[in-house]
């Protein structure tokens, strides 16, 4: 790590999409590959299948992190304790099968949580400190502006940025933001790497947004 290098973790929810050269997910991944950067992808269990396993394989091959975004992406506060546990466990089993690794992080759908859900998850829970709001039908330019505003205010450094891999607007924003932010001294790292470099030990059942010393 260079002395003045600033760290940021881009995170992408709601995949996998599909393994195709023109898919939003693969274009996002190829941008990270092109510039030698990494990100964390929060995968939904029920979306994982043999057809899109290659997307996960490619993400792993370039050093990206696979994390748990539950099995059915439901409102966890509206189901039972046992169902919450199963939502995480089913996706953990699938991620281990598809990537050969047991995931160490999770994100709660809709950030809809309470103490029971937090404890039942069995994971450190990753929120965000910078919300791109790409899920609100923001344009590419609006997504870029929100993240560049966070850079200007200092919120982007050591921040966790919330994005979604299925959106074309997000894909185009990433193609602009990665080289632009590298020029401004940023290094894109996984959430786990961000915690490690800042000396933070992530605890199960605890929520994290910005991760800094």
Protein backbone atom coordinates (compact mmCIF):
# COMPACT_ATOMS: atom_id res chain seq x y z
CA UNK A 1 0.00 0.00 0.00
CA UNK A 2 1.39 3.38 -0.96
CA UNK A 3 1.79 5.87 1.88
CA UNK A 4 -0.89 8.25 0.62
CA UNK A 5 -3.18 5.63 -0.88
CA UNK A 6 -6.82 5.97 0.16
CA UNK A 7 -8.89 2.81 0.57
CA UNK A 8 -12.50 2.28 -0.50
CA UNK A 9 -14.70 -0.82 -0.69
CA UNK A 10 -17.21 -0.98 -3.54
CA UNK A 11 -19.89 -3.59 -2.81
CA UNK A 12 -22.43 -5.02 -5.23
CA UNK A 13 -25.72 -6.65 -4.24
CA UNK A 14 -28.29 -8.89 -5.90
CA UNK A 15 -26.14 -11.09 -8.11
CA UNK A 16 -25.21 -13.29 -9.71
CA UNK A 17 -26.70 -12.13 -13.01
CA UNK A 18 -25.21 -14.20 -15.80
CA UNK A 19 -21.91 -15.15 -17.34
CA UNK A 20 -22.02 -13.35 -20.68
CA UNK A 21 -19.62 -10.79 -22.09
CA UNK A 22 -22.36 -8.16 -22.34
CA UNK A 23 -23.91 -8.77 -18.90
CA UNK A 24 -23.74 -5.94 -16.42
CA UNK A 25 -21.98 -8.16 -13.89
CA UNK A 26 -19.23 -9.26 -16.27
CA UNK A 27 -18.64 -5.71 -17.50
CA UNK A 28 -18.29 -4.55 -13.89
CA UNK A 29 -15.89 -7.39 -13.14
CA UNK A 30 -13.84 -6.72 -16.25
CA UNK A 31 -13.45 -3.09 -15.21
CA UNK A 32 -12.00 -4.21 -11.88
CA UNK A 33 -9.79 -6.73 -13.69
CA UNK A 34 -8.54 -4.09 -16.15
CA UNK A 35 -7.32 -1.83 -13.36
CA UNK A 36 -6.17 -4.56 -10.95
CA UNK A 37 -8.73 -3.68 -8.27
CA UNK A 38 -11.09 -5.73 -6.09
CA UNK A 39 -14.65 -5.48 -4.75
CA UNK A 40 -17.09 -7.46 -2.62
CA UNK A 41 -20.18 -9.09 -4.13
CA UNK A 42 -23.17 -9.98 -1.93
CA UNK A 43 -24.87 -12.90 -3.67
CA UNK A 44 -28.48 -14.06 -3.38
CA UNK A 45 -28.68 -17.83 -2.96
CA UNK A 46 -31.74 -18.50 -5.11
CA UNK A 47 -30.10 -16.68 -8.04
CA UNK A 48 -27.10 -19.01 -8.08
CA UNK A 49 -27.12 -21.81 -10.64
CA UNK A 50 -24.86 -23.79 -12.95
CA UNK A 51 -25.30 -21.24 -15.75
CA UNK A 52 -23.93 -18.29 -13.79
CA UNK A 53 -21.32 -20.16 -11.74
CA UNK A 54 -18.70 -18.85 -14.18
CA UNK A 55 -19.47 -15.31 -13.03
CA UNK A 56 -18.53 -16.29 -9.49
CA UNK A 57 -15.47 -18.16 -10.75
CA UNK A 58 -14.28 -15.09 -12.63
CA UNK A 59 -14.87 -12.82 -9.63
CA UNK A 60 -12.80 -15.18 -7.50
CA UNK A 61 -10.04 -15.35 -10.09
CA UNK A 62 -9.44 -11.59 -9.92
CA UNK A 63 -9.45 -11.45 -6.13
CA UNK A 64 -12.99 -10.28 -5.46
CA UNK A 65 -14.88 -11.40 -2.38
CA UNK A 66 -18.10 -13.46 -2.35
CA UNK A 67 -20.44 -12.67 0.54
CA UNK A 68 -23.89 -13.71 1.75
CA UNK A 69 -27.03 -11.72 0.86
CA UNK A 70 -29.48 -14.40 2.11
CA UNK A 71 -31.28 -17.00 0.03
CA UNK A 72 -34.50 -15.29 -1.03
CA UNK A 73 -33.80 -11.58 -0.36
CA UNK A 74 -36.83 -11.23 1.89
CA UNK A 75 -37.66 -8.94 4.81
CA UNK A 76 -35.96 -10.84 7.62
CA UNK A 77 -37.85 -9.05 10.40
CA UNK A 78 -41.09 -10.58 9.08
CA UNK A 79 -40.03 -14.25 9.37
CA UNK A 80 -39.18 -16.59 12.25
CA UNK A 81 -35.81 -17.05 13.92
CA UNK A 82 -35.46 -20.48 12.31
CA UNK A 83 -36.24 -19.06 8.88
CA UNK A 84 -33.68 -16.29 9.33
CA UNK A 85 -31.00 -18.85 10.19
CA UNK A 86 -31.94 -20.92 7.13
CA UNK A 87 -31.80 -17.87 4.84
CA UNK A 88 -28.13 -17.41 5.70
CA UNK A 89 -27.18 -21.07 6.02
CA UNK A 90 -28.58 -22.09 2.62
CA UNK A 91 -26.61 -19.36 0.87
CA UNK A 92 -23.47 -20.18 2.84
CA UNK A 93 -23.70 -23.79 1.64
CA UNK A 94 -24.18 -22.67 -1.95
CA UNK A 95 -21.30 -20.20 -1.82
CA UNK A 96 -19.01 -22.86 -0.40
CA UNK A 97 -20.09 -25.23 -3.18
CA UNK A 98 -19.66 -22.61 -5.92
CA UNK A 99 -16.48 -20.87 -4.72
CA UNK A 100 -14.77 -23.41 -2.49
CA UNK A 101 -14.77 -20.85 0.33
CA UNK A 102 -17.05 -20.26 3.29
CA UNK A 103 -18.26 -16.64 3.22
CA UNK A 104 -17.23 -14.47 6.16
CA UNK A 105 -19.54 -11.48 5.59
CA UNK A 106 -23.24 -10.88 5.02
CA UNK A 107 -25.56 -8.04 4.13
CA UNK A 108 -29.19 -7.93 5.23
CA UNK A 109 -31.71 -7.28 2.42
CA UNK A 110 -33.22 -3.80 2.54
CA UNK A 111 -31.05 -3.19 5.66
CA UNK A 112 -34.17 -4.51 7.44
CA UNK A 113 -32.91 -5.81 10.75
CA UNK A 114 -33.34 -6.03 14.48
CA UNK A 115 -31.39 -7.60 17.34
CA UNK A 116 -32.79 -11.08 16.66
CA UNK A 117 -31.86 -10.95 12.98
CA UNK A 118 -28.39 -9.59 13.71
CA UNK A 119 -27.62 -12.39 16.16
CA UNK A 120 -29.22 -15.13 14.07
CA UNK A 121 -27.23 -14.20 10.96
CA UNK A 122 -23.99 -15.60 12.33
CA UNK A 123 -22.01 -13.00 10.36
CA UNK A 124 -20.48 -9.57 10.65
CA UNK A 125 -23.12 -7.48 8.85
CA UNK A 126 -22.04 -4.93 6.28
CA UNK A 127 -24.15 -1.85 5.70
CA UNK A 128 -22.83 1.16 3.82
CA UNK A 129 -21.43 4.60 4.45
CA UNK A 130 -22.03 5.78 0.88
CA UNK A 131 -25.33 4.85 -0.79
CA UNK A 132 -25.27 5.25 -4.57
CA UNK A 133 -29.08 4.92 -4.64
CA UNK A 134 -28.75 3.15 -7.97
CA UNK A 135 -31.83 1.11 -7.02
CA UNK A 136 -34.00 4.26 -7.15
CA UNK A 137 -33.63 4.51 -10.94
CA UNK A 138 -30.91 7.13 -10.63
CA UNK A 139 -29.11 7.92 -13.87
CA UNK A 140 -25.46 7.02 -14.40
CA UNK A 141 -24.57 10.67 -13.89
CA UNK A 142 -26.48 10.80 -10.58
CA UNK A 143 -24.73 7.67 -9.30
CA UNK A 144 -21.36 9.14 -10.22
CA UNK A 145 -22.24 12.46 -8.58
CA UNK A 146 -23.24 10.86 -5.27
CA UNK A 147 -19.95 9.00 -5.05
CA UNK A 148 -17.82 11.94 -6.15
CA UNK A 149 -19.62 14.11 -3.59
CA UNK A 150 -18.53 11.58 -0.95
CA UNK A 151 -14.97 11.94 -2.21
CA UNK A 152 -15.17 15.72 -1.91
CA UNK A 153 -16.43 15.55 1.69
CA UNK A 154 -13.91 12.88 2.74
CA UNK A 155 -16.61 10.28 3.37
CA UNK A 156 -15.39 7.99 0.59
CA UNK A 157 -12.05 7.12 2.20
CA UNK A 158 -12.40 3.88 4.21
CA UNK A 159 -16.03 3.88 3.10
CA UNK A 160 -18.30 1.03 2.03
CA UNK A 161 -20.18 1.97 -1.14
CA UNK A 162 -23.55 0.31 -1.85
CA UNK A 163 -24.16 -0.62 -5.50
CA UNK A 164 -26.09 -3.31 -7.39
CA UNK A 165 -24.67 -5.48 -10.15
CA UNK A 166 -27.83 -5.93 -12.32
CA UNK A 167 -28.13 -2.28 -13.38
CA UNK A 168 -26.78 -0.88 -16.64
CA UNK A 169 -26.51 2.57 -15.04
CA UNK A 170 -24.31 1.12 -12.30
CA UNK A 171 -22.10 -0.68 -14.80
CA UNK A 172 -21.51 2.56 -16.72
CA UNK A 173 -20.84 4.49 -13.51
CA UNK A 174 -18.25 1.93 -12.44
CA UNK A 175 -16.48 2.20 -15.80
CA UNK A 176 -16.03 5.92 -15.10
CA UNK A 177 -15.45 5.84 -11.34
CA UNK A 178 -12.73 3.19 -11.09
CA UNK A 179 -10.08 4.94 -13.23
CA UNK A 180 -11.17 8.38 -12.01
CA UNK A 181 -10.79 7.49 -8.35
CA UNK A 182 -7.52 5.63 -8.94
CA UNK A 183 -6.17 8.89 -10.36
CA UNK A 184 -7.26 10.58 -7.13
CA UNK A 185 -5.23 8.14 -5.07
CA UNK A 186 -7.76 5.45 -4.19
CA UNK A 187 -7.26 1.72 -4.00
CA UNK A 188 -10.38 -0.48 -4.35
CA UNK A 189 -10.31 -3.34 -1.84
CA UNK A 190 -12.71 -5.98 -0.54
CA UNK A 191 -14.53 -5.29 2.70
CA UNK A 192 -12.45 -7.93 4.47
CA UNK A 193 -9.25 -6.32 3.19
CA UNK A 194 -10.48 -2.88 4.25
CA UNK A 195 -11.02 -4.18 7.78
CA UNK A 196 -7.64 -5.94 7.82
CA UNK A 197 -5.71 -2.89 6.64
CA UNK A 198 -7.39 -0.76 9.28
CA UNK A 199 -6.75 -3.26 12.05
CA UNK A 200 -10.46 -3.92 12.61
CA UNK A 201 -11.64 -7.40 13.62
CA UNK A 202 -15.19 -7.78 12.33
CA UNK A 203 -17.53 -9.34 14.90
CA UNK A 204 -20.51 -11.62 14.22
CA UNK A 205 -23.86 -9.99 14.82
CA UNK A 206 -22.45 -6.48 14.61
CA UNK A 207 -23.28 -3.94 11.91
CA UNK A 208 -20.57 -2.03 10.06
CA UNK A 209 -20.69 0.90 7.65
CA UNK A 210 -17.47 2.86 7.34
CA UNK A 211 -14.53 0.73 8.47
CA UNK A 212 -11.59 2.72 9.76
CA UNK A 213 -9.00 2.75 12.53
